[in-house]
Every structure is written in structure tokens, then in C-alpha cells.
Amino acid sequence: MTKQNIIQAVCERLDLPKPQAAQLVQATFDALTESLIRDGRVELRNFGIFQIKRREARIGRNPKTGEQVRVAPRSTVTFKPGKEMELRVRELDGVAAQPPQPATPAQPTDDGEALG
């Protein structure tokens, strides 16, 4: 989906003219970006979390030559989907739409060893 597709969906859903929907979508993206830069994290309930993470400097490898190269430290944006999105995406694979169950602690046997 592209930005234009989002604008079109907003037009149809809210019965807005395209220029007004485009302004709304752009203002939303701008607000998210500004908040992410200012706070380092944007949490949208049932959608997901955008977060800035710092990647340390490291030694990488040029895939063409195999030569080692220094990769500078940098900031990057990560996304972790919310529970509702995760469940809906899992439905695509036919996986039951249930959150993962926590692991049960190992139970000791009669001889004192843990099962698990």
C-alpha cells in the first residue's frame, strides 16, 4: 500500500475531498515522525510501537569483495506490531487467533529431576 492508497481509503471512509484527505494523512505522518524524533518512541494501541534504536559501530563485510569494512554507529527505527495486528496477521497462515501461552514451569519428578 502506498501513501496515495491511504489517501484514497481516507477519502472513501470519511467522505472527504482528496486534497483534504491528503493534508490529513500528511499531518498524521508528520506528527508521528516529530514525536518519534522528540520522544524516541510512538505507541499506537492495537497497532504497534515505533521506536528509535541505536546500532553500535561494527565491522561488516563487503558482499562483492569479502573485504572487511567499518560500519559507523547509527540510529534506526524499529516496529513491533501490537497484539491485535499480530493476531490478525497470524490468521493469514491459518494459525489459531490466540495469544501465545506462557511456558509452564518444569515440575519435579519423584526422583527430584525436573520434567520439561
N, C-alpha and C. Protein backbone atom coordinates (compact mmCIF):
# COMPACT_ATOMS: atom_id res chain seq x y z
N MET A 1 0.85 -1.17 0.00
CA MET A 1 0.00 0.00 0.00
C MET A 1 0.90 1.24 0.00
N THR A 2 0.53 2.20 -0.78
CA THR A 2 1.29 3.44 -0.88
C THR A 2 0.56 4.56 -0.14
N LYS A 3 1.24 5.69 -0.03
CA LYS A 3 0.61 6.84 0.60
C LYS A 3 -0.66 7.26 -0.16
N GLN A 4 -0.60 7.17 -1.49
CA GLN A 4 -1.77 7.51 -2.30
C GLN A 4 -2.94 6.56 -2.03
N ASN A 5 -2.64 5.28 -1.79
CA ASN A 5 -3.69 4.33 -1.44
C ASN A 5 -4.33 4.68 -0.10
N ILE A 6 -3.50 5.11 0.84
CA ILE A 6 -4.02 5.51 2.16
C ILE A 6 -4.92 6.74 2.01
N ILE A 7 -4.47 7.70 1.22
CA ILE A 7 -5.28 8.91 0.98
C ILE A 7 -6.62 8.53 0.36
N GLN A 8 -6.60 7.64 -0.60
CA GLN A 8 -7.84 7.20 -1.25
C GLN A 8 -8.76 6.50 -0.25
N ALA A 9 -8.20 5.66 0.62
CA ALA A 9 -9.01 4.98 1.63
C ALA A 9 -9.64 5.97 2.59
N VAL A 10 -8.88 7.00 2.99
CA VAL A 10 -9.42 8.03 3.88
C VAL A 10 -10.54 8.80 3.18
N CYS A 11 -10.33 9.13 1.90
CA CYS A 11 -11.38 9.81 1.11
C CYS A 11 -12.68 9.03 1.15
N GLU A 12 -12.59 7.75 0.89
CA GLU A 12 -13.79 6.90 0.82
C GLU A 12 -14.42 6.70 2.19
N ARG A 13 -13.61 6.45 3.20
CA ARG A 13 -14.14 6.15 4.53
C ARG A 13 -14.77 7.37 5.19
N LEU A 14 -14.13 8.55 5.03
CA LEU A 14 -14.62 9.76 5.70
C LEU A 14 -15.37 10.70 4.77
N ASP A 15 -15.53 10.30 3.51
CA ASP A 15 -16.23 11.12 2.52
C ASP A 15 -15.64 12.53 2.45
N LEU A 16 -14.31 12.58 2.28
CA LEU A 16 -13.58 13.85 2.20
C LEU A 16 -13.08 14.06 0.78
N PRO A 17 -12.89 15.32 0.38
CA PRO A 17 -12.23 15.58 -0.90
C PRO A 17 -10.77 15.13 -0.82
N LYS A 18 -10.22 14.73 -1.95
CA LYS A 18 -8.86 14.19 -1.96
C LYS A 18 -7.82 15.16 -1.39
N PRO A 19 -7.85 16.45 -1.72
CA PRO A 19 -6.84 17.36 -1.14
C PRO A 19 -6.92 17.43 0.39
N GLN A 20 -8.12 17.40 0.94
CA GLN A 20 -8.27 17.44 2.39
C GLN A 20 -7.77 16.14 3.03
N ALA A 21 -8.06 15.02 2.40
CA ALA A 21 -7.58 13.73 2.91
C ALA A 21 -6.06 13.67 2.84
N ALA A 22 -5.47 14.22 1.77
CA ALA A 22 -4.01 14.24 1.63
C ALA A 22 -3.38 15.07 2.75
N GLN A 23 -3.99 16.20 3.09
CA GLN A 23 -3.49 17.03 4.18
C GLN A 23 -3.58 16.28 5.51
N LEU A 24 -4.68 15.59 5.72
CA LEU A 24 -4.88 14.82 6.94
C LEU A 24 -3.84 13.72 7.08
N VAL A 25 -3.62 12.97 6.03
CA VAL A 25 -2.65 11.88 6.05
C VAL A 25 -1.24 12.44 6.28
N GLN A 26 -0.87 13.50 5.56
CA GLN A 26 0.46 14.08 5.71
C GLN A 26 0.66 14.64 7.13
N ALA A 27 -0.37 15.30 7.68
CA ALA A 27 -0.28 15.83 9.04
C ALA A 27 -0.09 14.71 10.06
N THR A 28 -0.76 13.57 9.83
CA THR A 28 -0.61 12.41 10.71
C THR A 28 0.82 11.88 10.65
N PHE A 29 1.34 11.70 9.43
CA PHE A 29 2.72 11.21 9.28
C PHE A 29 3.72 12.17 9.91
N ASP A 30 3.51 13.47 9.70
CA ASP A 30 4.42 14.48 10.27
C ASP A 30 4.40 14.42 11.79
N ALA A 31 3.21 14.30 12.39
CA ALA A 31 3.09 14.24 13.85
C ALA A 31 3.78 12.99 14.40
N LEU A 32 3.61 11.85 13.72
CA LEU A 32 4.27 10.62 14.16
C LEU A 32 5.79 10.76 14.09
N THR A 33 6.28 11.32 12.99
CA THR A 33 7.73 11.48 12.82
C THR A 33 8.30 12.42 13.87
N GLU A 34 7.65 13.56 14.07
CA GLU A 34 8.13 14.53 15.06
C GLU A 34 8.14 13.95 16.46
N SER A 35 7.08 13.22 16.81
CA SER A 35 7.00 12.60 18.12
C SER A 35 8.08 11.53 18.29
N LEU A 36 8.32 10.76 17.26
CA LEU A 36 9.35 9.73 17.32
C LEU A 36 10.73 10.34 17.52
N ILE A 37 11.02 11.41 16.81
CA ILE A 37 12.31 12.08 16.95
C ILE A 37 12.44 12.71 18.34
N ARG A 38 11.38 13.33 18.82
CA ARG A 38 11.41 14.01 20.12
C ARG A 38 11.47 13.02 21.28
N ASP A 39 10.63 11.98 21.25
CA ASP A 39 10.49 11.07 22.39
C ASP A 39 11.18 9.73 22.21
N GLY A 40 11.54 9.38 20.98
CA GLY A 40 12.20 8.10 20.74
C GLY A 40 11.27 6.91 20.66
N ARG A 41 9.96 7.17 20.84
CA ARG A 41 9.01 6.05 20.84
C ARG A 41 7.61 6.58 20.56
N VAL A 42 6.86 5.86 19.72
CA VAL A 42 5.46 6.16 19.46
C VAL A 42 4.69 4.86 19.61
N GLU A 43 3.74 4.86 20.55
CA GLU A 43 2.95 3.65 20.80
C GLU A 43 1.51 3.91 20.37
N LEU A 44 1.04 3.09 19.44
CA LEU A 44 -0.34 3.18 18.96
C LEU A 44 -1.05 1.90 19.37
N ARG A 45 -1.90 2.01 20.37
CA ARG A 45 -2.59 0.82 20.91
C ARG A 45 -3.26 0.02 19.79
N ASN A 46 -3.15 -1.29 19.89
CA ASN A 46 -3.71 -2.26 18.94
C ASN A 46 -3.09 -2.18 17.55
N PHE A 47 -2.13 -1.29 17.36
CA PHE A 47 -1.43 -1.22 16.07
C PHE A 47 0.01 -1.64 16.25
N GLY A 48 0.77 -0.89 17.06
CA GLY A 48 2.14 -1.27 17.28
C GLY A 48 2.97 -0.14 17.87
N ILE A 49 4.26 -0.40 18.00
CA ILE A 49 5.20 0.54 18.60
C ILE A 49 6.33 0.81 17.63
N PHE A 50 6.54 2.09 17.33
CA PHE A 50 7.70 2.53 16.58
C PHE A 50 8.71 3.02 17.61
N GLN A 51 9.97 2.63 17.45
CA GLN A 51 10.98 3.02 18.43
C GLN A 51 12.31 3.26 17.74
N ILE A 52 13.04 4.27 18.22
CA ILE A 52 14.38 4.53 17.69
C ILE A 52 15.35 3.70 18.50
N LYS A 53 16.18 2.94 17.82
CA LYS A 53 17.22 2.15 18.47
C LYS A 53 18.57 2.55 17.91
N ARG A 54 19.56 2.54 18.75
CA ARG A 54 20.92 2.89 18.36
C ARG A 54 21.69 1.62 18.03
N ARG A 55 22.27 1.58 16.86
CA ARG A 55 23.12 0.45 16.46
C ARG A 55 24.57 0.88 16.65
N GLU A 56 25.31 0.06 17.34
CA GLU A 56 26.72 0.36 17.61
C GLU A 56 27.56 0.17 16.35
N ALA A 57 28.74 0.76 16.36
CA ALA A 57 29.69 0.57 15.26
C ALA A 57 30.09 -0.91 15.24
N ARG A 58 30.39 -1.39 14.06
CA ARG A 58 30.79 -2.80 13.93
C ARG A 58 31.65 -2.97 12.68
N ILE A 59 32.22 -4.13 12.58
CA ILE A 59 32.97 -4.49 11.38
C ILE A 59 32.06 -5.34 10.51
N GLY A 60 31.82 -4.87 9.29
CA GLY A 60 31.00 -5.61 8.34
C GLY A 60 31.86 -6.17 7.23
N ARG A 61 31.22 -6.71 6.23
CA ARG A 61 31.94 -7.31 5.12
C ARG A 61 31.27 -6.88 3.81
N ASN A 62 32.09 -6.43 2.87
CA ASN A 62 31.58 -6.07 1.55
C ASN A 62 31.18 -7.37 0.86
N PRO A 63 29.91 -7.53 0.48
CA PRO A 63 29.47 -8.80 -0.10
C PRO A 63 30.11 -9.10 -1.45
N LYS A 64 30.52 -8.09 -2.20
CA LYS A 64 31.15 -8.34 -3.50
C LYS A 64 32.59 -8.78 -3.38
N THR A 65 33.34 -8.11 -2.49
CA THR A 65 34.79 -8.38 -2.40
C THR A 65 35.17 -9.23 -1.20
N GLY A 66 34.29 -9.28 -0.19
CA GLY A 66 34.62 -10.00 1.02
C GLY A 66 35.49 -9.17 1.95
N GLU A 67 35.86 -7.97 1.53
CA GLU A 67 36.72 -7.09 2.32
C GLU A 67 35.98 -6.60 3.57
N GLN A 68 36.70 -6.53 4.68
CA GLN A 68 36.12 -6.01 5.90
C GLN A 68 35.99 -4.49 5.80
N VAL A 69 34.86 -3.96 6.28
CA VAL A 69 34.64 -2.53 6.28
C VAL A 69 34.07 -2.12 7.64
N ARG A 70 34.42 -0.91 8.06
CA ARG A 70 33.90 -0.39 9.32
C ARG A 70 32.52 0.21 9.05
N VAL A 71 31.53 -0.21 9.82
CA VAL A 71 30.17 0.32 9.71
C VAL A 71 29.99 1.28 10.89
N ALA A 72 29.68 2.52 10.58
CA ALA A 72 29.54 3.56 11.61
C ALA A 72 28.31 3.31 12.47
N PRO A 73 28.31 3.82 13.70
CA PRO A 73 27.10 3.71 14.53
C PRO A 73 25.99 4.54 13.90
N ARG A 74 24.75 4.12 14.12
CA ARG A 74 23.63 4.85 13.54
C ARG A 74 22.36 4.57 14.32
N SER A 75 21.41 5.45 14.12
CA SER A 75 20.08 5.26 14.71
C SER A 75 19.18 4.68 13.64
N THR A 76 18.26 3.83 14.07
CA THR A 76 17.33 3.22 13.13
C THR A 76 15.96 3.11 13.80
N VAL A 77 14.92 2.99 13.01
CA VAL A 77 13.56 2.86 13.53
C VAL A 77 13.15 1.39 13.48
N THR A 78 12.63 0.90 14.58
CA THR A 78 12.10 -0.46 14.62
C THR A 78 10.59 -0.40 14.82
N PHE A 79 9.92 -1.46 14.46
CA PHE A 79 8.47 -1.55 14.64
C PHE A 79 8.13 -2.90 15.25
N LYS A 80 7.32 -2.86 16.28
CA LYS A 80 6.82 -4.10 16.89
C LYS A 80 5.30 -4.05 16.81
N PRO A 81 4.70 -5.00 16.11
CA PRO A 81 3.23 -4.97 15.96
C PRO A 81 2.52 -5.16 17.29
N GLY A 82 1.34 -4.54 17.40
CA GLY A 82 0.51 -4.71 18.57
C GLY A 82 -0.19 -6.07 18.55
N LYS A 83 -0.81 -6.41 19.66
CA LYS A 83 -1.44 -7.73 19.79
C LYS A 83 -2.52 -7.95 18.73
N GLU A 84 -3.37 -6.95 18.54
CA GLU A 84 -4.47 -7.12 17.59
C GLU A 84 -3.94 -7.34 16.18
N MET A 85 -2.96 -6.54 15.78
CA MET A 85 -2.38 -6.71 14.44
C MET A 85 -1.71 -8.08 14.33
N GLU A 86 -0.96 -8.47 15.35
CA GLU A 86 -0.28 -9.76 15.33
C GLU A 86 -1.27 -10.91 15.15
N LEU A 87 -2.38 -10.86 15.87
CA LEU A 87 -3.38 -11.92 15.77
C LEU A 87 -4.02 -11.94 14.38
N ARG A 88 -4.31 -10.78 13.83
CA ARG A 88 -4.93 -10.73 12.50
C ARG A 88 -3.98 -11.23 11.43
N VAL A 89 -2.70 -10.94 11.56
CA VAL A 89 -1.71 -11.42 10.59
C VAL A 89 -1.56 -12.93 10.71
N ARG A 90 -1.57 -13.44 11.93
CA ARG A 90 -1.46 -14.90 12.13
C ARG A 90 -2.62 -15.65 11.46
N GLU A 91 -3.78 -15.02 11.42
CA GLU A 91 -4.94 -15.64 10.78
C GLU A 91 -4.69 -15.93 9.30
N LEU A 92 -3.79 -15.16 8.68
CA LEU A 92 -3.46 -15.39 7.27
C LEU A 92 -2.85 -16.77 7.06
N ASP A 93 -2.12 -17.25 8.07
CA ASP A 93 -1.45 -18.55 7.97
C ASP A 93 -2.31 -19.68 8.50
N GLY A 94 -3.54 -19.36 8.91
CA GLY A 94 -4.41 -20.39 9.44
C GLY A 94 -4.06 -20.77 10.86
N VAL A 95 -3.19 -19.98 11.51
CA VAL A 95 -2.83 -20.24 12.89
C VAL A 95 -3.97 -19.72 13.76
N ALA A 96 -4.33 -20.48 14.76
CA ALA A 96 -5.42 -20.08 15.64
C ALA A 96 -5.14 -18.69 16.19
N ALA A 97 -6.15 -17.86 16.19
CA ALA A 97 -6.00 -16.48 16.66
C ALA A 97 -6.03 -16.41 18.17
N GLN A 98 -5.03 -17.00 18.80
CA GLN A 98 -4.91 -16.98 20.24
C GLN A 98 -3.51 -16.48 20.59
N PRO A 99 -3.41 -15.65 21.64
CA PRO A 99 -2.08 -15.21 22.03
C PRO A 99 -1.26 -16.39 22.52
N PRO A 100 0.07 -16.33 22.38
CA PRO A 100 0.90 -17.43 22.85
C PRO A 100 0.73 -17.63 24.35
N GLN A 101 0.72 -18.89 24.77
CA GLN A 101 0.57 -19.22 26.17
C GLN A 101 1.93 -19.16 26.86
N PRO A 102 1.97 -18.66 28.10
CA PRO A 102 3.26 -18.64 28.81
C PRO A 102 3.71 -20.06 29.11
N ALA A 103 5.01 -20.24 29.14
CA ALA A 103 5.58 -21.57 29.42
C ALA A 103 5.25 -21.94 30.86
N THR A 104 4.94 -23.21 31.07
CA THR A 104 4.67 -23.69 32.41
C THR A 104 5.99 -24.08 33.05
N PRO A 105 6.15 -23.82 34.33
CA PRO A 105 7.40 -24.19 34.99
C PRO A 105 7.56 -25.71 35.02
N ALA A 106 8.80 -26.16 34.96
CA ALA A 106 9.09 -27.59 35.00
C ALA A 106 8.68 -28.17 36.35
N GLN A 107 8.04 -29.32 36.32
CA GLN A 107 7.60 -29.98 37.54
C GLN A 107 8.61 -31.04 37.92
N PRO A 108 9.03 -31.10 39.19
CA PRO A 108 9.98 -32.13 39.59
C PRO A 108 9.31 -33.51 39.61
N THR A 109 10.09 -34.53 39.30
CA THR A 109 9.60 -35.91 39.35
C THR A 109 9.83 -36.46 40.75
N ASP A 110 9.45 -37.72 40.97
CA ASP A 110 9.64 -38.33 42.27
C ASP A 110 11.09 -38.40 42.67
N ASP A 111 12.01 -38.50 41.67
CA ASP A 111 13.43 -38.60 41.99
C ASP A 111 14.09 -37.23 42.05
N GLY A 112 13.30 -36.13 42.01
CA GLY A 112 13.84 -34.78 42.18
C GLY A 112 14.26 -34.09 40.90
N GLU A 113 14.24 -34.80 39.74
CA GLU A 113 14.63 -34.17 38.47
C GLU A 113 13.42 -33.47 37.87
N ALA A 114 13.70 -32.40 37.17
CA ALA A 114 12.61 -31.61 36.58
C ALA A 114 12.23 -32.17 35.22
N LEU A 115 10.93 -32.19 34.96
CA LEU A 115 10.42 -32.54 33.63
C LEU A 115 10.24 -31.24 32.88
N GLY A 116 10.38 -31.26 31.59
CA GLY A 116 10.11 -30.04 30.86
C GLY A 116 10.77 -30.02 29.61
